[in-house]
């Protein structure tokens, strides 16, 4: 038996399993937040915006301090943006999306999604690009090409 190769195989299998679990967990988080956002949007239509605070109180009692009104509002915002974005990357985490939720322009969000995909950006790098206003500094023709390419990929 070649012990080194067996050790190496075990490590590789473990790394693959961790990546699959991380990917699955991320997809599950995003799907859950999308569904919650949709429900919050629908509930808001029937009961008004105050429903987020009410649900936050109830969820906090049942699940702990995580489900603040701020988080629920961000989750609803995620749903609203997700519905408008022409492409959805499987590479983006909730943290990536959270960084982009303050951006109002869909074209700008699409630009940063593409930058994350093309350059495999982590959240810190994305935050830096947003903070430095990279979108505004890129020539308009280049931005339009990136956005058009995303719209084509969705179809």
Protein backbone atom coordinates (compact mmCIF):
# COMPACT_ATOMS: atom_id res chain seq x y z
CA UNK A 1 0.00 0.00 0.00
CA UNK A 2 1.25 3.46 -0.86
CA UNK A 3 0.43 5.36 2.30
CA UNK A 4 1.26 8.76 0.86
CA UNK A 5 -1.17 8.31 -2.05
CA UNK A 6 -3.85 7.08 0.33
CA UNK A 7 -3.34 10.11 2.60
CA UNK A 8 -3.43 12.38 -0.43
CA UNK A 9 -6.64 10.71 -1.66
CA UNK A 10 -8.26 11.17 1.75
CA UNK A 11 -7.34 14.87 1.80
CA UNK A 12 -8.62 15.42 -1.74
CA UNK A 13 -11.89 13.64 -0.95
CA UNK A 14 -12.30 15.73 2.18
CA UNK A 15 -11.67 18.99 0.28
CA UNK A 16 -14.18 18.01 -2.39
CA UNK A 17 -16.76 17.12 0.25
CA UNK A 18 -16.24 20.44 2.03
CA UNK A 19 -16.64 22.38 -1.22
CA UNK A 20 -19.82 20.48 -2.12
CA UNK A 21 -21.22 21.07 1.38
CA UNK A 22 -20.29 24.77 1.25
CA UNK A 23 -21.88 25.12 -2.18
CA UNK A 24 -25.01 23.26 -1.05
CA UNK A 25 -25.26 25.32 2.13
CA UNK A 26 -24.88 28.55 0.17
CA UNK A 27 -27.53 27.50 -2.38
CA UNK A 28 -29.82 26.51 0.47
CA UNK A 29 -29.29 29.87 2.24
CA UNK A 30 -29.96 31.84 -0.93
CA UNK A 31 -33.04 29.78 -1.79
CA UNK A 32 -34.36 30.16 1.75
CA UNK A 33 -33.75 33.93 1.76
CA UNK A 34 -35.38 34.24 -1.66
CA UNK A 35 -38.46 32.38 -0.40
CA UNK A 36 -38.59 34.42 2.82
CA UNK A 37 -38.18 37.64 0.82
CA UNK A 38 -41.05 36.66 -1.44
CA UNK A 39 -43.26 35.90 1.57
CA UNK A 40 -42.30 39.20 3.21
CA UNK A 41 -43.12 41.08 0.01
CA UNK A 42 -46.51 39.40 -0.22
CA UNK A 43 -47.24 39.91 3.48
CA UNK A 44 -46.25 43.58 3.14
CA UNK A 45 -48.85 44.03 0.40
CA UNK A 46 -51.56 42.73 2.74
CA UNK A 47 -50.43 44.06 6.12
CA UNK A 48 -48.06 46.96 5.39
CA UNK A 49 -44.38 47.47 6.07
CA UNK A 50 -44.84 47.13 9.83
CA UNK A 51 -45.18 43.40 9.35
CA UNK A 52 -41.39 43.05 9.14
CA UNK A 53 -40.98 44.39 12.70
CA UNK A 54 -43.76 42.16 13.96
CA UNK A 55 -42.31 39.05 12.31
CA UNK A 56 -38.86 39.99 13.59
CA UNK A 57 -40.11 40.01 17.18
CA UNK A 58 -41.73 36.60 16.76
CA UNK A 59 -38.75 35.05 14.95
CA UNK A 60 -36.33 36.46 17.53
CA UNK A 61 -38.29 34.81 20.33
CA UNK A 62 -38.24 31.47 18.52
CA UNK A 63 -34.79 31.47 16.84
CA UNK A 64 -32.66 34.04 18.65
CA UNK A 65 -31.38 37.51 17.88
CA UNK A 66 -30.38 36.87 14.26
CA UNK A 67 -33.70 37.80 12.63
CA UNK A 68 -33.64 41.54 13.24
CA UNK A 69 -35.90 43.89 11.30
CA UNK A 70 -32.77 45.01 9.44
CA UNK A 71 -31.94 41.46 8.30
CA UNK A 72 -35.53 40.77 7.25
CA UNK A 73 -35.59 44.01 5.30
CA UNK A 74 -32.32 42.99 3.56
CA UNK A 75 -33.80 39.58 2.74
CA UNK A 76 -36.84 41.28 1.18
CA UNK A 77 -34.50 43.58 -0.73
CA UNK A 78 -32.59 40.51 -1.97
CA UNK A 79 -35.83 39.06 -3.33
CA UNK A 80 -36.69 42.34 -5.06
CA UNK A 81 -33.25 42.57 -6.70
CA UNK A 82 -33.12 38.87 -7.59
CA UNK A 83 -36.34 39.31 -9.57
CA UNK A 84 -34.77 42.10 -11.64
CA UNK A 85 -31.24 40.79 -12.25
CA UNK A 86 -30.84 39.14 -15.66
CA UNK A 87 -28.35 36.54 -14.46
CA UNK A 88 -27.97 34.62 -11.25
CA UNK A 89 -24.56 33.40 -10.29
CA UNK A 90 -24.16 30.22 -8.33
CA UNK A 91 -20.80 31.53 -7.16
CA UNK A 92 -22.14 34.39 -5.08
CA UNK A 93 -22.75 33.93 -1.39
CA UNK A 94 -25.21 35.75 0.84
CA UNK A 95 -22.29 37.95 1.91
CA UNK A 96 -21.70 38.99 -1.72
CA UNK A 97 -25.36 39.84 -2.15
CA UNK A 98 -25.46 41.66 1.17
CA UNK A 99 -22.68 43.97 -0.07
CA UNK A 100 -24.69 44.81 -3.18
CA UNK A 101 -28.06 45.40 -1.51
CA UNK A 102 -27.36 49.10 -0.99
CA UNK A 103 -26.90 49.58 -4.75
CA UNK A 104 -30.05 50.94 -6.38
CA UNK A 105 -29.14 50.59 -10.06
CA UNK A 106 -29.68 47.12 -11.54
CA UNK A 107 -27.02 47.70 -14.23
CA UNK A 108 -24.49 48.44 -11.51
CA UNK A 109 -25.42 45.24 -9.66
CA UNK A 110 -25.11 43.25 -12.89
CA UNK A 111 -21.65 44.77 -13.42
CA UNK A 112 -20.48 43.70 -9.96
CA UNK A 113 -22.01 40.22 -10.34
CA UNK A 114 -20.02 39.82 -13.55
CA UNK A 115 -16.86 41.05 -11.86
CA UNK A 116 -17.35 38.46 -9.12
CA UNK A 117 -17.80 35.69 -11.67
CA UNK A 118 -15.00 36.72 -14.04
CA UNK A 119 -12.45 37.47 -11.33
CA UNK A 120 -13.65 35.02 -8.68
CA UNK A 121 -13.89 37.87 -6.18
CA UNK A 122 -14.22 37.23 -2.50
CA UNK A 123 -16.42 39.54 -0.44
CA UNK A 124 -13.52 41.75 0.64
CA UNK A 125 -12.50 42.32 -3.00
CA UNK A 126 -16.09 43.06 -4.01
CA UNK A 127 -16.46 45.53 -1.16
CA UNK A 128 -13.26 47.25 -2.27
CA UNK A 129 -14.50 47.56 -5.86
CA UNK A 130 -17.81 49.00 -4.71
CA UNK A 131 -16.15 51.40 -2.28
CA UNK A 132 -13.72 52.62 -4.95
CA UNK A 133 -16.69 53.17 -7.27
CA UNK A 134 -15.13 51.04 -9.98
CA UNK A 135 -18.40 50.95 -11.93
CA UNK A 136 -18.41 54.71 -12.33
CA UNK A 137 -14.77 54.72 -13.46
CA UNK A 138 -15.17 52.08 -16.17
CA UNK A 139 -15.85 53.58 -19.61
CA UNK A 140 -19.56 53.54 -20.41
CA UNK A 141 -19.04 51.45 -23.58
CA UNK A 142 -17.30 48.74 -21.57
CA UNK A 143 -20.06 48.72 -18.93
CA UNK A 144 -22.73 48.44 -21.63
CA UNK A 145 -20.95 45.48 -23.24
CA UNK A 146 -20.80 43.66 -19.90
CA UNK A 147 -24.46 44.35 -19.17
CA UNK A 148 -25.61 43.34 -22.67
CA UNK A 149 -23.60 40.12 -22.40
CA UNK A 150 -25.41 39.30 -19.14
CA UNK A 151 -28.80 39.95 -20.70
CA UNK A 152 -27.93 37.64 -23.61
CA UNK A 153 -26.77 34.89 -21.21
CA UNK A 154 -30.13 34.89 -19.45
CA UNK A 155 -32.14 34.26 -22.61
